[in-house]
Amino acid sequence: MRSRGTSSRDLDYDHVLKNQNYAMKSTYQSTLRRRVAACTMQENEGPNGNSPSTGKKRMPKACGSCRQSKVRCDEVRPACGRCHSMQKACVYAERPKTAEEIRIQELEDEVMLLRQQLQTYAAQNM
């Protein structure tokens, strides 16, 4: 139902304006989403565009023999199924110690040395 004084041309123009507003709003929202996503990605990226380094590197889980042969290792210990069936020595790489673990070991060694010195000193003065 049309009100008086409103032509079909006016209604078509109103319809076009509403569609343009909707299109502009959609474009704005999608642009905004892209910008937010880009900012989020930049915050999560490292210096080379990669994910930031946490300082921990993944250790290989496969034994040396499976790794060398490039086959899947079942990671059973002490010997994986493949090494067991082929009667090979199954050797898994050890995880290198972190700087924190090295420092803890140094401090524990120092404490042990100081205790020994204290015991020696106490024994001499008795």
Foldseek 3Di string as FASTA:
>chain_A
DDDPPDDVVNVVVVVVVVVVVVVVVVVVVVVVVVVVVVVVQVVQADPVSHGDDPQDDDADQAWPVCVVVVHDFPSDPPATPVCVVVVHHTHGDDDDDDPVRVVVVVVVVVVVVVVVVVVVVVVVVD
